Amino acid sequence: MSREAEELYEEREERVQAAIDLRVPDRVPVLCADDAFSWAYAGISMKDFMTDNEKMMTAREIFHRDFQTDMAYVPPAPMDPLTLVVGSPCLLKMPGEDIPEDSVFQLVETEIMKEEDYEYAIENGYMQLLIKLLPKLRPGVRGVEEKFLAKLEWASNVFHSNVERFRAAGVPCWAGGGMESPFGVLTMLRSYERFCLDLYRRPERVSRAIGKFTEEFAEMAIASCKFLTGIPRAIIGLHRESSSFFSLDQFEQFALPQIERLVEVLSKEGIITILHCDGDWTPNLPYLTRLPEGQCVLDLDASTDIFKAKEILGDRMCIDGNVMEIMLSFGTPAEIEAHCRQLIDFVGKGGGFILKGEIPKEAKAENIRAMIDTAKTYGRGKGS
């Protein structure tokens, strides 16, 4: 790593860490989820982005070279169908095979895990359950178990190399490990409809399976963060826990305990938990006051009232959000700047805020630049 890249890396890490620590950084940090955009911006297909690691990394390097965000929000992990199944245990429609090669891959949720599989899951854990169900999840792949295990080893080595490659360019990674939540993977494996029935018919089995998976997922995140990447931040995908999908009573009984336990275990290892909260978490926010101060980042989309989140949790955890796909695609630079200024003024007040954008293929480059430029100019010295 050159001295210039090393200094840039440290500067960006310090800026983001200051926000996580609820301090006021030199300016508001800015991150972008680029994985749905950078492939098109670089002129390659989504199929190539998923199946060719060198093309994927080149596309993402072009994005970071041209836009200069503070970190790579999406970890540079391979997106092969046999590695994607770990965090998204669903049937998959692949670009260039099942759908056009310039389409984003699609998850097809159906009942893969049967009710009788709960006992196997409770006894053996998630990864063994996943291996058992691989013939259903990736039908048509001969010798799928052997290929899956070989692909996992390959992906670990490549992920480590990709993180180091970003580091050499002065680009830190937002997360060094992580996983979809135990609650989330069960929802996908069982399907939303079946899982809803499970919560009423077999609540003890659901709770026991979630508990088993939670310990396993914490170990996986620790191993990745501490030994594979050296990045002390783990992202937990909370895509199904919100009030958009389940009642608050169900959240408190089934979902909240896993979040509390994951944060507890990770924080003991010096790892920050990034709570990636899709859907409307506004009614769920008061429950998160139970989490330890300064140990989490609340990662929000536009469904949650980010200003209410600041009111309830702003003195307890860093908040990031929420420049989203529709605005980046159909808004104007002036509208983007106005929205970012509002976020910086209110959510960024007192520190503990990171401006985050989620960029679709259709986003306008000038809108992305407006968001980033606002953080770097208007966001400088803000927070007091």
Protein backbone atom coordinates (compact mmCIF):
# COMPACT_ATOMS: atom_id res chain seq x y z
CA MET A 1 0.00 0.00 0.00
CA SER A 2 1.32 3.43 -0.89
CA ARG A 3 1.67 6.05 1.85
CA GLU A 4 -1.06 8.13 0.18
CA ALA A 5 -3.48 5.18 0.11
CA GLU A 6 -2.65 4.28 3.71
CA GLU A 7 -3.30 7.81 4.91
CA LEU A 8 -6.58 7.94 2.99
CA TYR A 9 -7.62 4.60 4.45
CA GLU A 10 -6.90 5.72 8.01
CA GLU A 11 -8.63 9.06 7.47
CA ARG A 12 -11.80 7.34 6.26
CA GLU A 13 -11.73 4.76 9.05
CA GLU A 14 -11.35 7.48 11.68
CA ARG A 15 -14.22 9.50 10.19
CA VAL A 16 -16.61 6.55 10.21
CA GLN A 17 -15.48 5.32 13.62
CA ALA A 18 -16.09 8.76 15.09
CA ALA A 19 -19.71 8.56 13.91
CA ILE A 20 -20.09 5.02 15.29
CA ASP A 21 -18.72 6.26 18.63
CA LEU A 22 -21.40 9.01 18.62
CA ARG A 23 -18.77 11.70 18.18
CA VAL A 24 -18.75 14.54 15.65
CA PRO A 25 -16.29 13.68 12.84
CA ASP A 26 -14.49 16.21 10.67
CA ARG A 27 -17.40 15.86 8.28
CA VAL A 28 -20.40 13.57 7.82
CA PRO A 29 -19.24 10.21 6.40
CA VAL A 30 -20.91 8.99 3.22
CA LEU A 31 -21.45 5.41 2.01
CA CYS A 32 -23.17 3.91 -1.03
CA ALA A 33 -24.52 0.44 -1.70
CA ASP A 34 -23.17 0.18 -5.24
CA ASP A 35 -23.68 -3.50 -6.09
CA ALA A 36 -26.89 -2.86 -8.06
CA PHE A 37 -25.26 0.02 -9.97
CA SER A 38 -21.51 -0.39 -10.43
CA TRP A 39 -21.76 -3.27 -12.91
CA ALA A 40 -23.92 -1.22 -15.30
CA TYR A 41 -21.81 1.89 -14.73
CA ALA A 42 -18.70 -0.09 -15.70
CA GLY A 43 -20.39 -1.50 -18.79
CA ILE A 44 -20.54 -5.17 -17.86
CA SER A 45 -23.51 -7.48 -17.41
CA MET A 46 -25.00 -8.48 -14.07
CA LYS A 47 -24.18 -12.06 -15.01
CA ASP A 48 -20.47 -11.22 -15.34
CA PHE A 49 -20.61 -9.21 -12.11
CA MET A 50 -21.89 -12.28 -10.29
CA THR A 51 -19.73 -14.96 -11.87
CA ASP A 52 -16.39 -13.28 -12.62
CA ASN A 53 -14.60 -11.97 -9.52
CA GLU A 54 -12.07 -9.92 -11.50
CA LYS A 55 -14.81 -8.15 -13.47
CA MET A 56 -16.78 -7.56 -10.26
CA MET A 57 -13.79 -6.02 -8.50
CA THR A 58 -12.84 -3.89 -11.50
CA ALA A 59 -16.39 -2.53 -11.71
CA ARG A 60 -16.43 -1.68 -8.02
CA GLU A 61 -12.97 -0.09 -8.21
CA ILE A 62 -14.20 2.11 -11.05
CA PHE A 63 -17.14 3.17 -8.91
CA HIS A 64 -14.96 4.08 -5.91
CA ARG A 65 -12.40 5.82 -8.11
CA ASP A 66 -15.06 8.00 -9.72
CA PHE A 67 -17.29 8.72 -6.72
CA GLN A 68 -14.88 8.57 -3.73
CA THR A 69 -17.18 7.44 -0.93
CA ASP A 70 -15.70 6.83 2.49
CA MET A 71 -16.14 3.05 2.47
CA ALA A 72 -17.28 0.12 0.41
CA TYR A 73 -20.72 -0.43 1.91
CA VAL A 74 -21.28 -3.89 0.38
CA PRO A 75 -18.44 -6.29 1.30
CA PRO A 76 -16.54 -7.43 -1.82
CA ALA A 77 -17.57 -11.06 -1.43
CA PRO A 78 -18.10 -13.34 -4.44
CA MET A 79 -21.72 -13.59 -5.59
CA ASP A 80 -21.66 -17.10 -7.03
CA PRO A 81 -25.02 -18.95 -6.70
CA LEU A 82 -23.42 -21.50 -4.36
CA THR A 83 -22.18 -18.81 -1.99
CA LEU A 84 -25.31 -16.66 -2.17
CA VAL A 85 -27.34 -19.56 -0.83
CA VAL A 86 -25.76 -19.18 2.62
CA GLY A 87 -27.34 -15.79 3.28
CA SER A 88 -30.30 -16.13 0.92
CA PRO A 89 -31.53 -19.74 1.15
CA CYS A 90 -34.02 -19.52 -1.70
CA LEU A 91 -34.31 -20.70 -5.26
CA LEU A 92 -32.45 -18.34 -7.58
CA LYS A 93 -33.16 -16.86 -11.00
CA MET A 94 -29.81 -16.09 -12.58
CA PRO A 95 -29.12 -13.31 -15.11
CA GLY A 96 -28.28 -14.74 -18.49
CA GLU A 97 -29.99 -18.03 -17.69
CA ASP A 98 -33.46 -17.55 -16.25
CA ILE A 99 -33.76 -13.81 -16.81
CA PRO A 100 -31.98 -11.28 -19.07
CA GLU A 101 -28.26 -10.92 -18.31
CA ASP A 102 -28.69 -7.23 -17.44
CA SER A 103 -31.33 -7.97 -14.79
CA VAL A 104 -30.62 -8.13 -11.08
CA PHE A 105 -30.81 -11.71 -9.81
CA GLN A 106 -34.12 -12.74 -8.26
CA LEU A 107 -34.84 -14.85 -5.19
CA VAL A 108 -37.83 -17.17 -5.48
CA GLU A 109 -39.31 -17.89 -2.09
CA THR A 110 -41.04 -21.25 -1.71
CA GLU A 111 -41.26 -23.97 0.93
CA ILE A 112 -37.83 -25.62 0.95
CA MET A 113 -37.69 -26.60 4.61
CA LYS A 114 -40.51 -28.85 5.79
CA GLU A 115 -42.04 -28.72 9.25
CA GLU A 116 -40.32 -31.98 10.21
CA ASP A 117 -36.92 -30.38 9.43
CA TYR A 118 -37.14 -28.22 12.57
CA GLU A 119 -35.84 -31.03 14.78
CA TYR A 120 -32.89 -31.59 12.44
CA ALA A 121 -32.18 -27.84 12.52
CA ILE A 122 -32.33 -27.69 16.31
CA GLU A 123 -30.04 -30.69 16.64
CA ASN A 124 -27.51 -29.90 13.91
CA GLY A 125 -27.60 -26.15 13.27
CA TYR A 126 -28.01 -23.98 10.23
CA MET A 127 -25.09 -25.00 8.02
CA GLN A 128 -25.86 -28.69 8.34
CA LEU A 129 -29.51 -27.98 7.58
CA LEU A 130 -28.46 -25.95 4.56
CA ILE A 131 -26.30 -28.80 3.24
CA LYS A 132 -29.21 -31.21 3.74
CA LEU A 133 -31.49 -28.92 1.71
CA LEU A 134 -28.98 -28.01 -1.04
CA PRO A 135 -30.46 -30.41 -3.63
CA LYS A 136 -33.74 -28.50 -3.33
CA LEU A 137 -32.11 -25.07 -3.22
CA ARG A 138 -29.79 -25.61 -6.20
CA PRO A 139 -31.53 -28.31 -8.24
CA GLY A 140 -29.69 -29.61 -11.25
CA VAL A 141 -26.21 -29.15 -9.73
CA ARG A 142 -24.55 -32.54 -9.64
CA GLY A 143 -22.51 -33.26 -6.53
CA VAL A 144 -23.91 -30.08 -5.02
CA GLU A 145 -22.63 -30.73 -1.47
CA GLU A 146 -19.00 -31.22 -2.54
CA LYS A 147 -19.17 -28.24 -4.90
CA PHE A 148 -20.73 -26.09 -2.16
CA LEU A 149 -18.00 -26.88 0.38
CA ALA A 150 -15.27 -26.28 -2.20
CA LYS A 151 -16.90 -23.00 -3.23
CA LEU A 152 -17.06 -21.82 0.39
CA GLU A 153 -13.33 -22.34 0.82
CA TRP A 154 -12.65 -20.58 -2.47
CA ALA A 155 -14.96 -17.69 -1.55
CA SER A 156 -13.25 -17.18 1.83
CA ASN A 157 -9.85 -16.85 0.16
CA VAL A 158 -11.18 -14.54 -2.54
CA PHE A 159 -13.07 -12.37 -0.04
CA HIS A 160 -9.89 -11.88 1.98
CA SER A 161 -7.95 -10.95 -1.17
CA ASN A 162 -10.67 -8.55 -2.30
CA VAL A 163 -10.70 -6.76 1.07
CA GLU A 164 -6.92 -6.36 0.90
CA ARG A 165 -7.19 -5.10 -2.67
CA PHE A 166 -9.62 -2.40 -1.57
CA ARG A 167 -7.38 -1.54 1.36
CA ALA A 168 -4.41 -1.08 -0.97
CA ALA A 169 -6.50 1.47 -2.87
CA GLY A 170 -7.38 3.36 0.33
CA VAL A 171 -10.95 1.99 0.47
CA PRO A 172 -12.06 0.52 3.83
CA CYS A 173 -14.94 -1.95 3.98
CA TRP A 174 -18.04 -1.20 6.01
CA ALA A 175 -18.41 -4.77 7.30
CA GLY A 176 -15.93 -7.60 7.67
CA GLY A 177 -18.54 -10.26 8.19
CA GLY A 178 -22.16 -10.89 8.92
CA MET A 179 -25.20 -12.82 7.95
CA GLU A 180 -28.94 -12.71 7.43
CA SER A 181 -30.67 -13.08 10.80
CA PRO A 182 -31.76 -16.51 12.09
CA PHE A 183 -35.36 -15.29 11.97
CA GLY A 184 -34.84 -14.18 8.37
CA VAL A 185 -33.35 -17.41 7.05
CA LEU A 186 -36.14 -19.44 8.63
CA THR A 187 -38.68 -17.17 6.95
CA MET A 188 -37.05 -17.78 3.58
CA LEU A 189 -36.58 -21.51 4.02
CA ARG A 190 -40.11 -22.10 5.20
CA SER A 191 -41.66 -19.32 3.05
CA TYR A 192 -43.41 -16.36 4.62
CA GLU A 193 -46.83 -18.03 4.60
CA ARG A 194 -45.64 -21.27 6.24
CA PHE A 195 -43.48 -19.43 8.74
CA CYS A 196 -46.42 -17.31 9.87
CA LEU A 197 -48.33 -20.53 10.58
CA ASP A 198 -45.30 -21.93 12.44
CA LEU A 199 -45.34 -18.97 14.83
CA TYR A 200 -48.85 -19.97 15.91
CA ARG A 201 -48.67 -23.76 15.63
CA ARG A 202 -45.09 -24.51 16.71
CA PRO A 203 -43.75 -21.45 18.56
CA GLU A 204 -41.38 -23.47 20.76
CA ARG A 205 -39.74 -25.12 17.75
CA VAL A 206 -39.28 -21.75 16.09
CA SER A 207 -37.71 -20.25 19.21
CA ARG A 208 -35.36 -23.21 19.67
CA ALA A 209 -34.24 -23.11 16.04
CA ILE A 210 -33.63 -19.37 16.21
CA GLY A 211 -31.63 -19.84 19.40
CA LYS A 212 -29.49 -22.56 17.85
CA PHE A 213 -28.82 -20.52 14.71
CA THR A 214 -28.05 -17.37 16.72
CA GLU A 215 -25.04 -18.91 18.45
CA GLU A 216 -23.81 -20.34 15.15
CA PHE A 217 -24.23 -17.05 13.27
CA ALA A 218 -22.38 -15.14 15.98
CA GLU A 219 -19.44 -17.56 15.68
CA MET A 220 -19.44 -17.17 11.89
CA ALA A 221 -19.43 -13.37 12.13
CA ILE A 222 -16.63 -13.38 14.71
CA ALA A 223 -14.49 -15.69 12.59
CA SER A 224 -14.92 -13.51 9.51
CA CYS A 225 -14.35 -10.21 11.29
CA LYS A 226 -11.39 -11.27 13.43
CA PHE A 227 -9.56 -13.85 11.35
CA LEU A 228 -10.58 -13.35 7.72
CA THR A 229 -10.82 -9.59 7.23
CA GLY A 230 -9.70 -7.87 10.42
CA ILE A 231 -12.68 -5.49 10.19
CA PRO A 232 -14.48 -5.22 13.56
CA ARG A 233 -17.96 -4.60 12.15
CA ALA A 234 -20.56 -7.28 11.36
CA ILE A 235 -23.77 -6.64 9.45
CA ILE A 236 -26.92 -8.53 10.42
CA GLY A 237 -29.66 -8.56 7.79
CA LEU A 238 -33.01 -7.83 9.44
CA HIS A 239 -35.25 -8.01 6.39
CA ARG A 240 -38.34 -9.64 7.90
CA GLU A 241 -38.46 -8.57 11.53
CA SER A 242 -40.13 -5.18 11.13
CA SER A 243 -43.75 -4.15 11.59
CA SER A 244 -44.09 -4.41 7.81
CA PHE A 245 -44.25 -8.20 8.29
CA PHE A 246 -44.95 -9.17 11.89
CA SER A 247 -46.72 -7.83 14.97
CA LEU A 248 -44.85 -6.20 17.82
CA ASP A 249 -45.75 -9.12 20.09
CA GLN A 250 -44.17 -11.54 17.61
CA PHE A 251 -41.16 -9.27 17.27
CA GLU A 252 -40.67 -9.19 21.03
CA GLN A 253 -41.11 -12.95 21.44
CA PHE A 254 -39.14 -14.29 18.48
CA ALA A 255 -36.95 -11.61 16.88
CA LEU A 256 -35.74 -9.30 19.63
CA PRO A 257 -33.99 -12.04 21.69
CA GLN A 258 -31.80 -12.99 18.71
CA ILE A 259 -30.82 -9.35 18.16
CA GLU A 260 -29.96 -8.86 21.83
CA ARG A 261 -27.92 -12.08 21.91
CA LEU A 262 -26.02 -11.34 18.70
CA VAL A 263 -25.11 -7.86 19.92
CA GLU A 264 -24.08 -9.25 23.31
CA VAL A 265 -21.76 -11.89 21.86
CA LEU A 266 -20.26 -9.65 19.19
CA SER A 267 -19.68 -6.71 21.53
CA LYS A 268 -17.72 -8.97 23.90
CA GLU A 269 -15.37 -9.61 20.97
CA GLY A 270 -15.02 -5.89 20.23
CA ILE A 271 -17.22 -6.09 17.13
CA ILE A 272 -19.84 -3.46 16.26
CA THR A 273 -23.19 -4.86 15.07
CA ILE A 274 -24.70 -3.14 12.03
CA LEU A 275 -28.46 -3.68 12.18
CA HIS A 276 -29.57 -3.63 8.54
CA CYS A 277 -33.25 -2.83 9.06
CA ASP A 278 -35.44 -3.15 5.97
CA GLY A 279 -39.11 -2.22 6.14
CA ASP A 280 -40.85 0.03 8.64
CA TRP A 281 -39.09 -0.19 11.99
CA THR A 282 -40.70 2.95 13.41
CA PRO A 283 -42.96 1.03 15.85
CA ASN A 284 -40.07 -1.31 16.75
CA LEU A 285 -37.57 1.43 17.61
CA PRO A 286 -38.33 1.66 21.37
CA TYR A 287 -37.36 -2.01 21.79
CA LEU A 288 -33.86 -1.24 20.53
CA THR A 289 -33.20 0.96 23.58
CA ARG A 290 -32.46 -2.35 25.32
CA LEU A 291 -29.26 -2.71 23.31
CA PRO A 292 -25.97 -1.49 24.83
CA GLU A 293 -24.94 2.05 24.07
CA GLY A 294 -22.34 2.58 21.35
CA GLN A 295 -22.30 -1.05 20.19
CA CYS A 296 -24.62 -0.85 17.17
CA VAL A 297 -25.32 1.04 13.98
CA LEU A 298 -28.95 1.44 12.92
CA ASP A 299 -28.95 1.00 9.14
CA LEU A 300 -32.23 2.29 7.69
CA ASP A 301 -34.06 2.56 4.39
CA ALA A 302 -36.80 5.09 3.65
CA SER A 303 -39.61 3.03 5.22
CA THR A 304 -38.59 3.94 8.79
CA ASP A 305 -39.00 7.48 10.09
CA ILE A 306 -35.32 8.33 10.43
CA PHE A 307 -36.11 11.49 12.39
CA LYS A 308 -38.07 9.46 14.96
CA ALA A 309 -35.13 7.06 15.07
CA LYS A 310 -32.86 9.98 15.95
CA GLU A 311 -35.27 11.08 18.68
CA ILE A 312 -35.48 7.62 20.27
CA LEU A 313 -32.03 6.16 19.66
CA GLY A 314 -29.72 8.99 18.62
CA ASP A 315 -27.97 9.10 21.99
CA ARG A 316 -27.46 5.31 21.99
CA MET A 317 -26.38 4.25 18.51
CA CYS A 318 -25.10 5.63 15.23
CA ILE A 319 -27.75 5.94 12.51
CA ASP A 320 -27.19 5.68 8.78
CA GLY A 321 -29.59 6.39 5.92
CA ASN A 322 -31.53 7.13 3.81
CA VAL A 323 -31.08 8.38 0.24
CA MET A 324 -32.93 5.64 -1.60
CA GLU A 325 -33.51 4.22 -5.06
CA ILE A 326 -36.49 6.28 -6.21
CA MET A 327 -34.91 9.60 -5.29
CA LEU A 328 -31.57 8.71 -6.87
CA SER A 329 -33.28 7.57 -10.07
CA PHE A 330 -36.00 10.18 -10.55
CA GLY A 331 -34.97 13.14 -8.41
CA THR A 332 -32.80 16.08 -9.36
CA PRO A 333 -29.43 17.06 -7.90
CA ALA A 334 -31.11 20.01 -6.16
CA GLU A 335 -33.68 17.71 -4.56
CA ILE A 336 -30.95 15.30 -3.47
CA GLU A 337 -28.94 18.11 -1.93
CA ALA A 338 -31.97 19.46 -0.05
CA HIS A 339 -32.79 16.02 1.35
CA CYS A 340 -29.20 15.41 2.41
CA ARG A 341 -28.97 18.79 4.09
CA GLN A 342 -32.10 18.00 6.08
CA LEU A 343 -30.64 14.66 7.18
CA ILE A 344 -27.35 16.27 8.15
CA ASP A 345 -29.05 19.08 10.07
CA PHE A 346 -31.45 16.88 12.09
CA VAL A 347 -30.16 13.31 12.18
CA GLY A 348 -26.54 14.46 12.20
CA LYS A 349 -26.99 16.93 15.04
CA GLY A 350 -24.63 16.01 17.86
CA GLY A 351 -22.83 13.42 15.75
CA GLY A 352 -23.53 9.73 15.25
CA PHE A 353 -24.80 9.95 11.67
CA ILE A 354 -23.61 8.47 8.37
CA LEU A 355 -25.19 9.51 5.09
CA LYS A 356 -25.99 6.36 3.12
CA GLY A 357 -27.36 5.88 -0.38
CA GLU A 358 -28.70 2.70 -1.99
CA ILE A 359 -28.12 2.98 -5.71
CA PRO A 360 -30.10 1.09 -8.36
CA LYS A 361 -29.01 0.46 -11.93
CA GLU A 362 -31.26 3.35 -13.07
CA ALA A 363 -29.68 5.98 -10.78
CA LYS A 364 -28.33 9.16 -12.34
CA ALA A 365 -24.62 9.73 -11.81
CA GLU A 366 -25.26 13.43 -11.14
CA ASN A 367 -27.61 12.50 -8.29
CA ILE A 368 -25.03 10.23 -6.71
CA ARG A 369 -22.46 13.00 -6.93
CA ALA A 370 -24.90 15.48 -5.40
CA MET A 371 -25.33 13.23 -2.37
CA ILE A 372 -21.60 12.66 -1.93
CA ASP A 373 -20.70 16.31 -2.53
CA THR A 374 -23.26 17.46 0.04
CA ALA A 375 -21.66 15.25 2.68
CA LYS A 376 -18.21 16.54 1.80
CA THR A 377 -19.10 20.22 1.71
CA TYR A 378 -22.26 20.96 3.70
CA GLY A 379 -21.47 18.10 6.08
CA ARG A 380 -18.08 19.49 7.06
CA GLY A 381 -17.95 20.50 10.70
CA LYS A 382 -21.66 19.74 11.16
CA GLY A 383 -23.00 17.99 14.22
CA SER A 384 -22.65 20.51 17.00
